[in-house]
Amino acid sequence: MCNLFAYLFERQNARLSEFNVLTPGGNAAIFDGNSLTGSVTFNSGNTVVRMTGDSETITVDGSIQDALSVDLSFDRHEYPLVCLTRVGLKGFNYTHKQAGIPVSGTIRHNGLLWHIPKDQSVGVLDYTLGYLARHTFWNWASGGGVDMAGNRIGFNLVQGINETGFTENAFWVNGRLVKTDSIDIRYDDLDLLKPWHIQSNDGRVSLRFFPEGKRSANINAGLVVSKFHQPFGRFEGVLRDGDQVWQLQNAVGFTEEHYAKW
């Protein structure tokens, strides 16, 4: 199967618009290149989306179901998080992530046009592939913003995957990568819209997450299952690296609870 989804959340009126395209077979999505350079194209019916990347930028343009149109440009950090880890006896997981990256461009929906200013916007890049365990579960928290001193901050924090000797937990300060230890993510799994608490074992990360809404999906195709909850909202807290401390008050992003059967 090929799956493309998108959602648009208008924070001022708490309105959520969702789009989901699920197609059988593998012809709808074409991957050309790798996580550093190349393109991904999704083409199915009235949905065409292209993601094109090089060493400095990633552009995303296209239209989903003739309802949502995007023309966005994401600036890459100089130092991404890239790791390859073992999964089980014969599996592996490769991931390339960046968070808090500047975004600019336009979004159109329902006759409205939004201009995305680079100095006020943050994006997340996640390029992941591999042969994971038959049953896989993880929590994820990612996003970014500007701290109280004006530094551009991004963070990628995961619990439940990529933890066999090397984690994918890190944050960025003005593009500089700071690696962190394993993460403890605590939340109420019966009410995902209650606050989440996120801390690293080395004390470098101490964040609280306050959901403003949630996207969920439950795909059961027999051999393949994906049960997915992604609250989105606001982060606050502290990031540390030695004597350096960065205070976040209104960072934006999302968390995730995901069970998959591959």
Protein backbone atom coordinates (compact mmCIF):
# COMPACT_ATOMS: atom_id res chain seq x y z
CA MET A 1 0.00 0.00 0.00
CA CYS A 2 0.92 3.64 -0.44
CA ASN A 3 -0.42 6.19 2.00
CA LEU A 4 -0.28 9.98 1.85
CA PHE A 5 -1.87 12.04 4.58
CA ALA A 6 -1.93 15.69 5.52
CA TYR A 7 -3.75 17.82 8.01
CA LEU A 8 -4.16 21.55 8.49
CA PHE A 9 -4.83 22.96 11.96
CA GLU A 10 -5.94 26.56 12.29
CA ARG A 11 -4.92 27.44 15.83
CA GLN A 12 -7.03 30.60 16.18
CA ASN A 13 -10.33 28.74 15.72
CA ALA A 14 -9.10 25.20 16.58
CA ARG A 15 -10.33 23.90 13.21
CA LEU A 16 -8.79 20.69 11.90
CA SER A 17 -8.95 19.66 8.21
CA GLU A 18 -7.70 16.17 7.35
CA PHE A 19 -6.76 14.52 4.06
CA ASN A 20 -5.90 10.86 3.55
CA VAL A 21 -5.10 8.97 0.33
CA LEU A 22 -4.59 5.20 0.61
CA THR A 23 -3.87 3.25 -2.59
CA PRO A 24 -3.15 -0.47 -3.14
CA GLY A 25 0.11 -1.53 -4.71
CA GLY A 26 3.32 0.47 -4.87
CA ASN A 27 2.84 2.54 -8.00
CA ALA A 28 1.48 5.72 -6.42
CA ALA A 29 4.76 6.64 -4.70
CA ILE A 30 8.11 6.96 -6.47
CA PHE A 31 11.30 7.33 -4.43
CA ASP A 32 14.31 8.59 -6.39
CA GLY A 33 17.52 9.17 -4.46
CA ASN A 34 18.10 9.05 -0.73
CA SER A 35 17.70 11.12 2.42
CA LEU A 36 20.37 13.61 1.31
CA THR A 37 19.31 14.28 -2.25
CA GLY A 38 16.57 13.23 -4.64
CA SER A 39 12.81 13.30 -4.75
CA VAL A 40 9.62 11.59 -3.63
CA THR A 41 6.50 11.85 -5.79
CA PHE A 42 3.00 10.72 -4.86
CA ASN A 43 0.50 10.63 -7.74
CA SER A 44 -2.98 9.18 -7.36
CA GLY A 45 -6.17 10.54 -8.91
CA ASN A 46 -6.60 14.20 -8.01
CA THR A 47 -3.59 14.15 -5.68
CA VAL A 48 -0.06 15.01 -6.81
CA VAL A 49 2.65 15.96 -4.30
CA ARG A 50 6.40 16.32 -4.96
CA MET A 51 9.17 16.54 -2.37
CA THR A 52 12.57 17.47 -3.80
CA GLY A 53 15.72 17.81 -1.74
CA ASP A 54 19.39 18.71 -2.00
CA SER A 55 22.09 19.45 0.56
CA GLU A 56 20.57 22.81 1.55
CA THR A 57 16.79 22.78 1.02
CA ILE A 58 13.72 20.60 0.62
CA THR A 59 10.77 21.83 -1.42
CA VAL A 60 7.25 20.44 -1.11
CA ASP A 61 4.65 21.39 -3.70
CA GLY A 62 1.41 19.98 -5.02
CA SER A 63 -2.27 19.50 -4.37
CA ILE A 64 -4.20 16.95 -2.32
CA GLN A 65 -7.69 15.99 -3.49
CA ASP A 66 -8.02 19.40 -5.20
CA ALA A 67 -8.59 20.85 -1.71
CA LEU A 68 -5.22 21.57 -0.11
CA SER A 69 -2.33 23.12 -2.07
CA VAL A 70 1.17 23.74 -0.74
CA ASP A 71 4.32 25.40 -2.03
CA LEU A 72 6.86 25.24 0.79
CA SER A 73 10.62 25.39 1.18
CA PHE A 74 12.47 23.94 4.19
CA ASP A 75 16.07 24.95 4.97
CA ARG A 76 18.20 22.06 6.19
CA HIS A 77 20.43 22.26 9.26
CA GLU A 78 24.13 21.82 8.58
CA TYR A 79 24.25 18.89 11.03
CA PRO A 80 21.39 16.38 10.74
CA LEU A 81 20.81 13.40 12.99
CA VAL A 82 21.58 10.27 10.96
CA CYS A 83 21.77 6.80 12.49
CA LEU A 84 21.56 3.16 11.48
CA THR A 85 20.72 0.64 14.20
CA ARG A 86 20.13 -3.07 14.51
CA VAL A 87 16.58 -4.38 15.04
CA GLY A 88 16.23 -7.97 16.24
CA LEU A 89 18.21 -10.75 14.57
CA LYS A 90 18.18 -9.57 10.95
CA GLY A 91 16.41 -6.21 10.91
CA PHE A 92 17.66 -2.64 10.82
CA ASN A 93 16.36 0.90 11.06
CA TYR A 94 17.81 3.91 9.23
CA THR A 95 16.64 7.40 10.09
CA HIS A 96 17.63 10.91 9.03
CA LYS A 97 15.99 13.66 11.07
CA GLN A 98 16.12 17.41 11.51
CA ALA A 99 13.83 19.60 13.60
CA GLY A 100 13.27 23.29 14.08
CA ILE A 101 14.28 24.06 10.50
CA PRO A 102 13.09 27.33 8.87
CA VAL A 103 10.06 27.08 6.55
CA SER A 104 8.69 29.55 4.01
CA GLY A 105 6.06 29.49 1.28
CA THR A 106 2.29 29.33 0.91
CA ILE A 107 -0.65 27.09 1.85
CA ARG A 108 -4.11 27.26 0.22
CA HIS A 109 -7.35 25.73 1.47
CA ASN A 110 -11.06 26.61 1.16
CA GLY A 111 -10.31 29.83 -0.69
CA LEU A 112 -7.88 31.00 1.98
CA LEU A 113 -4.19 31.70 1.44
CA TRP A 114 -1.58 31.62 4.20
CA HIS A 115 1.90 33.06 3.74
CA ILE A 116 4.43 31.19 5.89
CA PRO A 117 7.21 33.51 7.13
CA LYS A 118 10.61 31.90 7.60
CA ASP A 119 11.48 33.73 10.81
CA GLN A 120 8.29 32.56 12.57
CA SER A 121 7.99 28.98 11.32
CA VAL A 122 9.61 25.66 12.14
CA GLY A 123 9.59 22.36 10.29
CA VAL A 124 10.55 18.74 10.91
CA LEU A 125 12.16 16.32 8.47
CA ASP A 126 11.84 12.58 9.05
CA TYR A 127 13.23 10.14 6.49
CA THR A 128 13.05 6.61 7.89
CA LEU A 129 13.27 3.15 6.35
CA GLY A 130 14.21 -0.36 7.39
CA TYR A 131 13.11 -3.85 8.35
CA LEU A 132 11.54 -3.42 11.77
CA ALA A 133 10.11 -5.96 14.17
CA ARG A 134 6.80 -7.54 13.13
CA HIS A 135 5.12 -5.69 16.00
CA THR A 136 6.57 -2.24 16.66
CA PHE A 137 5.52 0.45 19.12
CA TRP A 138 6.98 3.89 19.75
CA ASN A 139 6.39 7.33 21.19
CA TRP A 140 7.78 10.38 19.41
CA ALA A 141 8.00 14.08 20.22
CA SER A 142 9.32 16.65 17.77
CA GLY A 143 9.07 20.34 17.00
CA GLY A 144 10.79 23.60 17.74
CA GLY A 145 10.60 27.34 18.06
CA VAL A 146 12.54 30.33 19.32
CA ASP A 147 13.70 30.39 22.94
CA MET A 148 13.46 33.36 25.28
CA ALA A 149 16.88 34.63 24.10
CA GLY A 150 16.02 34.44 20.39
CA ASN A 151 17.81 31.17 19.53
CA ARG A 152 16.23 28.83 16.98
CA ILE A 153 15.55 25.50 18.71
CA GLY A 154 14.48 22.10 17.37
CA PHE A 155 14.20 18.70 19.02
CA ASN A 156 13.64 15.05 18.12
CA LEU A 157 12.88 12.68 21.01
CA VAL A 158 11.84 9.03 20.66
CA GLN A 159 11.11 6.15 23.00
CA GLY A 160 10.72 2.56 21.83
CA ILE A 161 12.82 2.42 18.65
CA ASN A 162 16.48 3.00 17.75
CA GLU A 163 17.55 2.14 21.28
CA THR A 164 19.96 -0.76 20.66
CA GLY A 165 23.21 0.99 21.55
CA PHE A 166 22.40 4.34 19.94
CA THR A 167 19.36 6.55 20.26
CA GLU A 168 17.96 9.13 17.85
CA ASN A 169 17.39 11.68 20.61
CA ALA A 170 18.83 15.13 19.98
CA PHE A 171 18.10 18.83 19.88
CA TRP A 172 19.42 21.68 17.75
CA VAL A 173 20.39 25.21 18.76
CA ASN A 174 20.80 27.55 15.77
CA GLY A 175 21.53 24.47 13.67
CA ARG A 176 24.09 22.96 16.07
CA LEU A 177 23.32 19.36 17.01
CA VAL A 178 23.32 18.35 20.70
CA LYS A 179 23.01 14.60 21.33
CA THR A 180 21.03 13.39 24.34
CA ASP A 181 20.61 10.11 26.20
CA SER A 182 17.50 7.90 26.23
CA ILE A 183 14.13 9.57 26.83
CA ASP A 184 11.29 8.88 29.24
CA ILE A 185 7.92 9.98 27.83
CA ARG A 186 5.01 9.89 30.27
CA TYR A 187 1.37 10.56 29.38
CA ASP A 188 -2.17 9.36 30.05
CA ASP A 189 -2.87 6.78 27.35
CA LEU A 190 -6.61 6.99 28.13
CA ASP A 191 -6.64 10.75 27.52
CA LEU A 192 -3.91 11.82 25.10
CA LEU A 193 -4.99 15.47 25.33
CA LYS A 194 -3.75 15.76 28.90
CA PRO A 195 -0.21 17.20 29.35
CA TRP A 196 2.78 15.00 28.47
CA HIS A 197 6.09 14.95 30.37
CA ILE A 198 9.36 14.33 28.49
CA GLN A 199 12.74 13.95 30.20
CA SER A 200 16.12 12.54 29.21
CA ASN A 201 18.15 10.31 31.51
CA ASP A 202 21.14 12.67 31.30
CA GLY A 203 19.13 15.70 32.41
CA ARG A 204 19.56 17.60 29.15
CA VAL A 205 15.85 17.55 28.28
CA SER A 206 12.95 18.50 30.53
CA LEU A 207 9.83 19.44 28.58
CA ARG A 208 6.08 19.52 29.04
CA PHE A 209 3.70 19.21 26.11
CA PHE A 210 0.22 20.73 26.06
CA PRO A 211 -1.96 19.27 23.26
CA GLU A 212 -4.32 21.55 21.34
CA GLY A 213 -5.77 18.86 19.08
CA LYS A 214 -5.12 15.38 17.74
CA ARG A 215 -5.03 13.43 14.51
CA SER A 216 -5.68 9.67 14.64
CA ALA A 217 -5.78 6.82 12.15
CA ASN A 218 -6.55 3.13 12.48
CA ILE A 219 -5.55 1.15 9.37
CA ASN A 220 -6.18 -2.58 9.51
CA ALA A 221 -5.34 -4.36 6.27
CA GLY A 222 -4.89 -7.81 7.76
CA LEU A 223 -1.16 -8.38 7.40
CA VAL A 224 -0.46 -4.68 7.92
CA VAL A 225 -1.82 -2.63 10.83
CA SER A 226 -1.17 0.98 11.86
CA LYS A 227 -2.80 2.46 14.96
CA PHE A 228 -1.73 6.04 15.14
CA HIS A 229 -2.40 9.01 17.43
CA GLN A 230 -0.61 12.31 16.92
CA PRO A 231 -1.51 15.14 19.30
CA PHE A 232 -0.16 18.55 18.30
CA GLY A 233 0.28 21.67 20.35
CA ARG A 234 2.73 23.61 22.51
CA PHE A 235 5.94 22.70 24.36
CA GLU A 236 7.58 24.45 27.27
CA GLY A 237 10.57 23.60 29.44
CA VAL A 238 14.35 23.54 29.52
CA LEU A 239 17.14 22.14 27.33
CA ARG A 240 20.70 21.95 28.71
CA ASP A 241 24.21 21.30 27.45
CA GLY A 242 26.72 21.64 30.27
CA ASP A 243 26.43 25.17 31.66
CA GLN A 244 24.31 26.34 28.73
CA VAL A 245 20.55 26.48 29.30
CA TRP A 246 17.78 27.26 26.79
CA GLN A 247 14.31 28.09 28.07
CA LEU A 248 11.32 27.26 25.85
CA GLN A 249 7.94 28.81 26.49
CA ASN A 250 5.90 28.53 23.30
CA ALA A 251 7.54 25.98 21.01
CA VAL A 252 5.23 24.11 18.66
CA GLY A 253 5.16 20.53 17.45
CA PHE A 254 3.61 17.16 18.08
CA THR A 255 3.84 13.92 20.00
CA GLU A 256 2.90 10.46 18.81
CA GLU A 257 1.68 7.08 19.99
CA HIS A 258 2.05 4.51 17.22
CA TYR A 259 1.60 0.76 17.03
CA ALA A 260 2.46 -0.93 13.74
CA LYS A 261 2.34 -4.48 12.40
CA TRP A 262 4.45 -4.71 9.28
